[in-house]
Amino acid sequence: MDNKQRIELYKNIYNNQITRKDALKGKLLFPSGILLLFMSLANYIFSFLSKEPNGVVGLFLLISFSFFIFKSWKGYEYAYLPKSEEIEDYHDKVTEDQFETFLINKYTESNDKNFKHNKELRENLLKIQKQLIHALIAGIISVFLIHIDKFIFHSVNIINSIH
């Protein structure tokens, strides 16, 4: 494979990694919205916690869910190619072979770094989805238990008032 073919290959990989980054970041919007919904649900559940500790598991899962969303939004610095002007300036100073080697090196450095970040981001998205399901189940169970407790407490008050 000659240098021109390698440059074309690395250029395609580079463009795919940047597209993948955008797609993965877009997938974070839905869980971020769900986080707001869970915070509202947690607020509802914790308003009853002074009477019954039903939402502790849900709180732990909500914190874990929040951690993975924050981790996915923060800390990923993607590698990009130099500005076109810098590339052209370098091209004017070196031979064609040196320039092709320069481009190959820049593409491979960027591709390796971006691939690593995209892999980590994808793993965090899978953790977010898992935590989302667990937090939803814990939230539903907590709300159900709160209403069962309120129903039993109300029933006992009615029975006591009859006697």
N, C-alpha and C. Protein backbone atom coordinates (compact mmCIF):
# COMPACT_ATOMS: atom_id res chain seq x y z
N MET A 1 0.87 -1.17 0.00
CA MET A 1 0.00 0.00 0.00
C MET A 1 0.91 1.23 0.00
N ASP A 2 0.71 2.09 -0.95
CA ASP A 2 1.54 3.29 -1.00
C ASP A 2 1.00 4.36 -0.05
N ASN A 3 1.75 5.44 0.08
CA ASN A 3 1.39 6.49 1.04
C ASN A 3 0.04 7.12 0.73
N LYS A 4 -0.26 7.33 -0.53
CA LYS A 4 -1.54 7.97 -0.89
C LYS A 4 -2.72 7.09 -0.47
N GLN A 5 -2.58 5.79 -0.65
CA GLN A 5 -3.64 4.87 -0.23
C GLN A 5 -3.76 4.84 1.30
N ARG A 6 -2.62 4.86 1.98
CA ARG A 6 -2.63 4.89 3.44
C ARG A 6 -3.30 6.16 3.94
N ILE A 7 -2.97 7.29 3.32
CA ILE A 7 -3.59 8.56 3.73
C ILE A 7 -5.10 8.49 3.54
N GLU A 8 -5.53 7.95 2.43
CA GLU A 8 -6.98 7.83 2.17
C GLU A 8 -7.64 6.91 3.20
N LEU A 9 -6.99 5.81 3.53
CA LEU A 9 -7.51 4.89 4.54
C LEU A 9 -7.64 5.59 5.89
N TYR A 10 -6.57 6.24 6.32
CA TYR A 10 -6.59 6.92 7.62
C TYR A 10 -7.56 8.08 7.65
N LYS A 11 -7.72 8.74 6.51
CA LYS A 11 -8.69 9.83 6.44
C LYS A 11 -10.11 9.28 6.66
N ASN A 12 -10.41 8.16 6.05
CA ASN A 12 -11.73 7.54 6.23
C ASN A 12 -11.94 7.10 7.68
N ILE A 13 -10.91 6.50 8.27
CA ILE A 13 -11.02 6.10 9.68
C ILE A 13 -11.22 7.32 10.56
N TYR A 14 -10.48 8.37 10.30
CA TYR A 14 -10.60 9.61 11.07
C TYR A 14 -12.02 10.17 10.98
N ASN A 15 -12.55 10.25 9.77
CA ASN A 15 -13.91 10.78 9.59
C ASN A 15 -14.94 9.89 10.28
N ASN A 16 -14.74 8.58 10.23
CA ASN A 16 -15.66 7.67 10.91
C ASN A 16 -15.62 7.86 12.42
N GLN A 17 -14.44 8.07 12.98
CA GLN A 17 -14.32 8.27 14.42
C GLN A 17 -15.00 9.57 14.86
N ILE A 18 -14.85 10.62 14.08
CA ILE A 18 -15.50 11.90 14.41
C ILE A 18 -17.02 11.76 14.31
N THR A 19 -17.49 11.07 13.29
CA THR A 19 -18.93 10.83 13.14
C THR A 19 -19.45 9.99 14.30
N ARG A 20 -18.69 8.98 14.69
CA ARG A 20 -19.06 8.12 15.81
C ARG A 20 -19.14 8.92 17.10
N LYS A 21 -18.20 9.82 17.30
CA LYS A 21 -18.21 10.68 18.49
C LYS A 21 -19.51 11.47 18.55
N ASP A 22 -19.88 12.09 17.44
CA ASP A 22 -21.10 12.88 17.41
C ASP A 22 -22.33 12.03 17.69
N ALA A 23 -22.36 10.83 17.14
CA ALA A 23 -23.49 9.93 17.37
C ALA A 23 -23.57 9.52 18.84
N LEU A 24 -22.43 9.20 19.44
CA LEU A 24 -22.43 8.80 20.85
C LEU A 24 -22.83 9.95 21.75
N LYS A 25 -22.33 11.14 21.46
CA LYS A 25 -22.73 12.31 22.27
C LYS A 25 -24.23 12.58 22.13
N GLY A 26 -24.76 12.37 20.94
CA GLY A 26 -26.20 12.54 20.74
C GLY A 26 -27.01 11.56 21.56
N LYS A 27 -26.48 10.36 21.75
CA LYS A 27 -27.18 9.36 22.54
C LYS A 27 -27.21 9.71 24.02
N LEU A 28 -26.41 10.65 24.45
CA LEU A 28 -26.41 11.07 25.85
C LEU A 28 -27.57 12.00 26.18
N LEU A 29 -28.20 12.58 25.18
CA LEU A 29 -29.28 13.53 25.46
C LEU A 29 -30.47 12.86 26.13
N PHE A 30 -30.86 11.69 25.66
CA PHE A 30 -32.00 10.99 26.24
C PHE A 30 -31.76 10.63 27.71
N PRO A 31 -30.63 9.97 28.04
CA PRO A 31 -30.40 9.68 29.46
C PRO A 31 -30.32 10.94 30.33
N SER A 32 -29.83 12.03 29.77
CA SER A 32 -29.77 13.27 30.55
C SER A 32 -31.18 13.76 30.87
N GLY A 33 -32.09 13.63 29.93
CA GLY A 33 -33.49 13.99 30.18
C GLY A 33 -34.12 13.06 31.20
N ILE A 34 -33.80 11.78 31.11
CA ILE A 34 -34.32 10.81 32.08
C ILE A 34 -33.79 11.13 33.48
N LEU A 35 -32.55 11.59 33.55
CA LEU A 35 -31.98 11.97 34.85
C LEU A 35 -32.84 13.05 35.51
N LEU A 36 -33.26 14.02 34.75
CA LEU A 36 -34.13 15.06 35.31
C LEU A 36 -35.45 14.47 35.80
N LEU A 37 -35.99 13.53 35.05
CA LEU A 37 -37.23 12.86 35.46
C LEU A 37 -37.01 12.10 36.76
N PHE A 38 -35.89 11.38 36.86
CA PHE A 38 -35.59 10.64 38.09
C PHE A 38 -35.36 11.57 39.27
N MET A 39 -34.79 12.73 39.03
CA MET A 39 -34.60 13.68 40.13
C MET A 39 -35.96 14.14 40.66
N SER A 40 -36.91 14.33 39.77
CA SER A 40 -38.26 14.70 40.21
C SER A 40 -38.89 13.55 41.00
N LEU A 41 -38.71 12.34 40.49
CA LEU A 41 -39.24 11.16 41.19
C LEU A 41 -38.57 11.02 42.55
N ALA A 42 -37.26 11.23 42.61
CA ALA A 42 -36.54 11.12 43.88
C ALA A 42 -37.05 12.17 44.86
N ASN A 43 -37.31 13.37 44.38
CA ASN A 43 -37.85 14.42 45.24
C ASN A 43 -39.19 13.99 45.84
N TYR A 44 -40.03 13.38 45.01
CA TYR A 44 -41.33 12.88 45.48
C TYR A 44 -41.12 11.80 46.54
N ILE A 45 -40.24 10.84 46.26
CA ILE A 45 -40.00 9.74 47.19
C ILE A 45 -39.40 10.25 48.50
N PHE A 46 -38.44 11.17 48.42
CA PHE A 46 -37.77 11.63 49.62
C PHE A 46 -38.65 12.53 50.47
N SER A 47 -39.72 13.02 49.91
CA SER A 47 -40.66 13.79 50.73
C SER A 47 -41.35 12.88 51.74
N PHE A 48 -41.35 11.56 51.48
CA PHE A 48 -41.93 10.60 52.40
C PHE A 48 -40.90 9.88 53.25
N LEU A 49 -39.62 10.11 53.03
CA LEU A 49 -38.58 9.36 53.72
C LEU A 49 -38.54 9.61 55.22
N SER A 50 -39.08 10.72 55.67
CA SER A 50 -39.07 10.96 57.11
C SER A 50 -39.96 9.94 57.82
N LYS A 51 -40.89 9.34 57.08
CA LYS A 51 -41.78 8.33 57.67
C LYS A 51 -41.29 6.91 57.37
N GLU A 52 -40.87 6.66 56.15
CA GLU A 52 -40.46 5.33 55.73
C GLU A 52 -39.21 5.42 54.85
N PRO A 53 -38.19 4.58 55.06
CA PRO A 53 -36.96 4.64 54.26
C PRO A 53 -37.04 3.80 52.98
N ASN A 54 -38.03 4.01 52.14
CA ASN A 54 -38.22 3.17 50.95
C ASN A 54 -37.37 3.56 49.76
N GLY A 55 -36.79 4.73 49.74
CA GLY A 55 -36.11 5.19 48.54
C GLY A 55 -34.60 5.14 48.59
N VAL A 56 -34.01 4.46 49.56
CA VAL A 56 -32.56 4.46 49.71
C VAL A 56 -31.88 3.77 48.53
N VAL A 57 -32.39 2.63 48.08
CA VAL A 57 -31.81 1.93 46.93
C VAL A 57 -31.94 2.80 45.69
N GLY A 58 -33.11 3.41 45.53
CA GLY A 58 -33.32 4.31 44.40
C GLY A 58 -32.35 5.48 44.41
N LEU A 59 -32.06 6.00 45.60
CA LEU A 59 -31.10 7.10 45.72
C LEU A 59 -29.72 6.66 45.28
N PHE A 60 -29.28 5.49 45.74
CA PHE A 60 -27.98 4.98 45.33
C PHE A 60 -27.91 4.82 43.81
N LEU A 61 -28.94 4.24 43.21
CA LEU A 61 -28.95 4.04 41.76
C LEU A 61 -28.99 5.37 41.02
N LEU A 62 -29.71 6.34 41.55
CA LEU A 62 -29.77 7.66 40.94
C LEU A 62 -28.39 8.32 40.96
N ILE A 63 -27.68 8.18 42.06
CA ILE A 63 -26.33 8.75 42.15
C ILE A 63 -25.39 8.05 41.17
N SER A 64 -25.49 6.74 41.09
CA SER A 64 -24.66 5.97 40.16
C SER A 64 -24.97 6.36 38.71
N PHE A 65 -26.24 6.47 38.40
CA PHE A 65 -26.69 6.88 37.06
C PHE A 65 -26.14 8.27 36.73
N SER A 66 -26.23 9.18 37.68
CA SER A 66 -25.73 10.55 37.48
C SER A 66 -24.23 10.55 37.26
N PHE A 67 -23.51 9.72 37.99
CA PHE A 67 -22.05 9.63 37.85
C PHE A 67 -21.66 9.24 36.43
N PHE A 68 -22.32 8.22 35.87
CA PHE A 68 -21.95 7.76 34.54
C PHE A 68 -22.34 8.78 33.46
N ILE A 69 -23.43 9.51 33.67
CA ILE A 69 -23.78 10.55 32.70
C ILE A 69 -22.73 11.66 32.75
N PHE A 70 -22.37 12.08 33.96
CA PHE A 70 -21.35 13.13 34.10
C PHE A 70 -20.03 12.67 33.49
N LYS A 71 -19.65 11.43 33.77
CA LYS A 71 -18.40 10.88 33.25
C LYS A 71 -18.41 10.84 31.72
N SER A 72 -19.57 10.59 31.14
CA SER A 72 -19.67 10.53 29.68
C SER A 72 -19.62 11.91 29.03
N TRP A 73 -20.11 12.92 29.72
CA TRP A 73 -20.10 14.28 29.15
C TRP A 73 -18.75 14.95 29.35
N LYS A 74 -18.03 14.54 30.37
CA LYS A 74 -16.83 15.26 30.78
C LYS A 74 -15.58 14.43 30.52
N GLY A 75 -14.49 15.08 30.21
CA GLY A 75 -13.19 14.45 30.22
C GLY A 75 -12.70 13.84 28.92
N TYR A 76 -13.42 13.99 27.85
CA TYR A 76 -12.96 13.41 26.60
C TYR A 76 -12.50 14.53 25.68
N GLU A 77 -11.19 14.58 25.47
CA GLU A 77 -10.63 15.55 24.54
C GLU A 77 -10.22 14.82 23.29
N TYR A 78 -10.95 15.05 22.24
CA TYR A 78 -10.69 14.36 20.98
C TYR A 78 -9.52 15.02 20.25
N ALA A 79 -8.83 14.20 19.48
CA ALA A 79 -7.70 14.69 18.70
C ALA A 79 -8.20 15.09 17.31
N TYR A 80 -7.73 16.21 16.84
CA TYR A 80 -8.09 16.71 15.52
C TYR A 80 -6.82 16.98 14.74
N LEU A 81 -6.99 17.05 13.46
CA LEU A 81 -5.85 17.40 12.61
C LEU A 81 -5.51 18.87 12.81
N PRO A 82 -4.28 19.23 12.49
CA PRO A 82 -3.93 20.66 12.57
C PRO A 82 -4.80 21.48 11.60
N LYS A 83 -4.82 22.76 11.82
CA LYS A 83 -5.58 23.65 10.93
C LYS A 83 -5.00 23.57 9.52
N SER A 84 -5.85 23.82 8.55
CA SER A 84 -5.42 23.74 7.15
C SER A 84 -4.23 24.64 6.85
N GLU A 85 -4.22 25.81 7.43
CA GLU A 85 -3.12 26.75 7.21
C GLU A 85 -1.80 26.17 7.72
N GLU A 86 -1.84 25.52 8.89
CA GLU A 86 -0.64 24.91 9.45
C GLU A 86 -0.16 23.75 8.57
N ILE A 87 -1.10 22.99 8.06
CA ILE A 87 -0.75 21.88 7.17
C ILE A 87 -0.08 22.41 5.91
N GLU A 88 -0.65 23.45 5.34
CA GLU A 88 -0.07 24.03 4.13
C GLU A 88 1.31 24.63 4.39
N ASP A 89 1.46 25.28 5.51
CA ASP A 89 2.77 25.83 5.87
C ASP A 89 3.82 24.72 5.98
N TYR A 90 3.43 23.62 6.61
CA TYR A 90 4.35 22.50 6.74
C TYR A 90 4.66 21.90 5.37
N HIS A 91 3.65 21.81 4.52
CA HIS A 91 3.83 21.25 3.18
C HIS A 91 4.86 22.05 2.39
N ASP A 92 4.82 23.36 2.53
CA ASP A 92 5.76 24.23 1.80
C ASP A 92 7.21 24.06 2.26
N LYS A 93 7.41 23.53 3.47
CA LYS A 93 8.75 23.44 4.05
C LYS A 93 9.41 22.07 3.86
N VAL A 94 8.66 21.07 3.44
CA VAL A 94 9.21 19.71 3.39
C VAL A 94 9.00 19.07 2.01
N THR A 95 9.61 17.91 1.84
CA THR A 95 9.41 17.17 0.58
C THR A 95 8.05 16.48 0.60
N GLU A 96 7.65 15.97 -0.54
CA GLU A 96 6.35 15.30 -0.64
C GLU A 96 6.31 14.05 0.23
N ASP A 97 7.38 13.29 0.26
CA ASP A 97 7.43 12.08 1.11
C ASP A 97 7.33 12.45 2.60
N GLN A 98 8.03 13.47 2.99
CA GLN A 98 7.97 13.91 4.39
C GLN A 98 6.56 14.39 4.73
N PHE A 99 5.94 15.08 3.80
CA PHE A 99 4.58 15.57 4.03
C PHE A 99 3.60 14.41 4.17
N GLU A 100 3.72 13.42 3.30
CA GLU A 100 2.84 12.25 3.38
C GLU A 100 3.04 11.50 4.70
N THR A 101 4.27 11.39 5.12
CA THR A 101 4.56 10.76 6.42
C THR A 101 3.95 11.57 7.55
N PHE A 102 4.07 12.88 7.46
CA PHE A 102 3.46 13.77 8.45
C PHE A 102 1.95 13.54 8.53
N LEU A 103 1.27 13.50 7.39
CA LEU A 103 -0.17 13.28 7.38
C LEU A 103 -0.54 11.91 7.96
N ILE A 104 0.20 10.91 7.57
CA ILE A 104 -0.06 9.56 8.09
C ILE A 104 0.08 9.55 9.60
N ASN A 105 1.14 10.18 10.11
CA ASN A 105 1.35 10.23 11.57
C ASN A 105 0.23 10.98 12.28
N LYS A 106 -0.20 12.11 11.72
CA LYS A 106 -1.29 12.88 12.35
C LYS A 106 -2.59 12.11 12.35
N TYR A 107 -2.88 11.43 11.24
CA TYR A 107 -4.11 10.62 11.18
C TYR A 107 -4.05 9.46 12.17
N THR A 108 -2.93 8.77 12.23
CA THR A 108 -2.85 7.61 13.14
C THR A 108 -2.92 8.05 14.60
N GLU A 109 -2.27 9.15 14.96
CA GLU A 109 -2.35 9.66 16.34
C GLU A 109 -3.79 10.02 16.70
N SER A 110 -4.44 10.75 15.81
CA SER A 110 -5.83 11.16 16.06
C SER A 110 -6.75 9.95 16.12
N ASN A 111 -6.58 9.03 15.19
CA ASN A 111 -7.45 7.86 15.15
C ASN A 111 -7.31 7.01 16.41
N ASP A 112 -6.08 6.81 16.88
CA ASP A 112 -5.88 6.01 18.09
C ASP A 112 -6.53 6.66 19.31
N LYS A 113 -6.32 7.94 19.46
CA LYS A 113 -6.89 8.65 20.61
C LYS A 113 -8.42 8.68 20.53
N ASN A 114 -8.96 8.99 19.37
CA ASN A 114 -10.41 9.07 19.21
C ASN A 114 -11.07 7.70 19.36
N PHE A 115 -10.42 6.65 18.87
CA PHE A 115 -10.96 5.31 19.03
C PHE A 115 -11.06 4.96 20.52
N LYS A 116 -10.02 5.27 21.27
CA LYS A 116 -10.01 5.00 22.71
C LYS A 116 -11.15 5.74 23.41
N HIS A 117 -11.31 7.02 23.10
CA HIS A 117 -12.38 7.80 23.72
C HIS A 117 -13.75 7.28 23.34
N ASN A 118 -13.93 6.94 22.08
CA ASN A 118 -15.23 6.43 21.64
C ASN A 118 -15.56 5.10 22.32
N LYS A 119 -14.55 4.27 22.50
CA LYS A 119 -14.77 2.99 23.18
C LYS A 119 -15.18 3.22 24.63
N GLU A 120 -14.49 4.11 25.33
CA GLU A 120 -14.84 4.42 26.72
C GLU A 120 -16.23 5.04 26.82
N LEU A 121 -16.54 5.92 25.89
CA LEU A 121 -17.85 6.56 25.89
C LEU A 121 -18.95 5.53 25.65
N ARG A 122 -18.73 4.61 24.74
CA ARG A 122 -19.72 3.55 24.48
C ARG A 122 -19.90 2.68 25.71
N GLU A 123 -18.82 2.34 26.40
CA GLU A 123 -18.93 1.55 27.63
C GLU A 123 -19.72 2.30 28.70
N ASN A 124 -19.50 3.60 28.81
CA ASN A 124 -20.27 4.40 29.78
C ASN A 124 -21.74 4.46 29.39
N LEU A 125 -22.03 4.55 28.11
CA LEU A 125 -23.43 4.55 27.68
C LEU A 125 -24.13 3.23 28.03
N LEU A 126 -23.42 2.12 27.90
CA LEU A 126 -24.00 0.84 28.29
C LEU A 126 -24.26 0.79 29.80
N LYS A 127 -23.33 1.35 30.59
CA LYS A 127 -23.53 1.41 32.04
C LYS A 127 -24.71 2.31 32.38
N ILE A 128 -24.85 3.42 31.66
CA ILE A 128 -25.97 4.32 31.89
C ILE A 128 -27.28 3.61 31.61
N GLN A 129 -27.36 2.88 30.51
CA GLN A 129 -28.58 2.16 30.19
C GLN A 129 -28.93 1.14 31.26
N LYS A 130 -27.93 0.44 31.75
CA LYS A 130 -28.14 -0.56 32.81
C LYS A 130 -28.63 0.12 34.09
N GLN A 131 -27.97 1.21 34.48
CA GLN A 131 -28.36 1.93 35.69
C GLN A 131 -29.75 2.57 35.54
N LEU A 132 -30.05 2.98 34.33
CA LEU A 132 -31.37 3.57 34.06
C LEU A 132 -32.47 2.55 34.34
N ILE A 133 -32.28 1.35 33.87
CA ILE A 133 -33.27 0.30 34.10
C ILE A 133 -33.38 -0.02 35.59
N HIS A 134 -32.25 -0.15 36.27
CA HIS A 134 -32.27 -0.44 37.71
C HIS A 134 -32.93 0.70 38.49
N ALA A 135 -32.58 1.93 38.15
CA ALA A 135 -33.16 3.07 38.87
C ALA A 135 -34.66 3.17 38.62
N LEU A 136 -35.10 2.87 37.40
CA LEU A 136 -36.53 2.90 37.09
C LEU A 136 -37.27 1.85 37.90
N ILE A 137 -36.74 0.65 37.96
CA ILE A 137 -37.38 -0.42 38.75
C ILE A 137 -37.42 -0.05 40.23
N ALA A 138 -36.30 0.44 40.75
CA ALA A 138 -36.25 0.84 42.17
C ALA A 138 -37.23 1.99 42.44
N GLY A 139 -37.32 2.93 41.51
CA GLY A 139 -38.26 4.05 41.68
C GLY A 139 -39.70 3.59 41.70
N ILE A 140 -40.05 2.70 40.80
CA ILE A 140 -41.43 2.18 40.74
C ILE A 140 -41.75 1.41 42.01
N ILE A 141 -40.82 0.57 42.45
CA ILE A 141 -41.04 -0.19 43.69
C ILE A 141 -41.18 0.75 44.88
N SER A 142 -40.34 1.79 44.93
CA SER A 142 -40.41 2.74 46.05
C SER A 142 -41.74 3.47 46.07
N VAL A 143 -42.20 3.94 44.92
CA VAL A 143 -43.49 4.64 44.87
C VAL A 143 -44.61 3.68 45.26
N PHE A 144 -44.55 2.45 44.78
CA PHE A 144 -45.55 1.45 45.13
C PHE A 144 -45.57 1.21 46.64
N LEU A 145 -44.39 1.04 47.25
CA LEU A 145 -44.31 0.80 48.69
C LEU A 145 -44.83 1.99 49.49
N ILE A 146 -44.54 3.19 49.03
CA ILE A 146 -45.03 4.38 49.72
C ILE A 146 -46.55 4.40 49.71
N HIS A 147 -47.15 4.09 48.57
CA HIS A 147 -48.61 4.10 48.49
C HIS A 147 -49.23 2.95 49.26
N ILE A 148 -48.58 1.80 49.31
CA ILE A 148 -49.07 0.68 50.13
C ILE A 148 -49.04 1.09 51.60
N ASP A 149 -47.91 1.69 52.02
CA ASP A 149 -47.80 2.15 53.41
C ASP A 149 -48.88 3.18 53.74
N LYS A 150 -49.12 4.12 52.84
CA LYS A 150 -50.17 5.13 53.07
C LYS A 150 -51.54 4.46 53.15
N PHE A 151 -51.80 3.47 52.30
CA PHE A 151 -53.08 2.77 52.30
C PHE A 151 -53.27 2.01 53.61
N ILE A 152 -52.22 1.29 54.05
CA ILE A 152 -52.31 0.53 55.31
C ILE A 152 -52.49 1.49 56.48
N PHE A 153 -51.71 2.57 56.51
CA PHE A 153 -51.83 3.55 57.59
C PHE A 153 -53.24 4.15 57.63
N HIS A 154 -53.76 4.46 56.46
CA HIS A 154 -55.12 5.02 56.38
C HIS A 154 -56.15 4.00 56.83
N SER A 155 -55.99 2.73 56.44
CA SER A 155 -56.93 1.67 56.83
C SER A 155 -56.89 1.45 58.33
N VAL A 156 -55.71 1.45 58.92
CA VAL A 156 -55.59 1.26 60.37
C VAL A 156 -56.25 2.43 61.09
N ASN A 157 -56.10 3.64 60.61
CA ASN A 157 -56.76 4.80 61.23
C ASN A 157 -58.27 4.68 61.17
N ILE A 158 -58.79 4.19 60.06
CA ILE A 158 -60.26 4.01 59.93
C ILE A 158 -60.74 2.96 60.93
N ILE A 159 -60.00 1.84 61.03
CA ILE A 159 -60.38 0.76 61.95
C ILE A 159 -60.30 1.26 63.39
N ASN A 160 -59.27 2.00 63.73
CA ASN A 160 -59.12 2.53 65.09
C ASN A 160 -60.21 3.54 65.41
N SER A 161 -60.63 4.31 64.42
CA SER A 161 -61.68 5.31 64.69
C SER A 161 -63.04 4.64 64.92
N ILE A 162 -63.20 3.44 64.35
CA ILE A 162 -64.48 2.71 64.54
C ILE A 162 -64.54 2.19 65.96
N HIS A 163 -63.45 1.73 66.53
CA HIS A 163 -63.42 1.17 67.88
C HIS A 163 -63.40 2.25 68.85
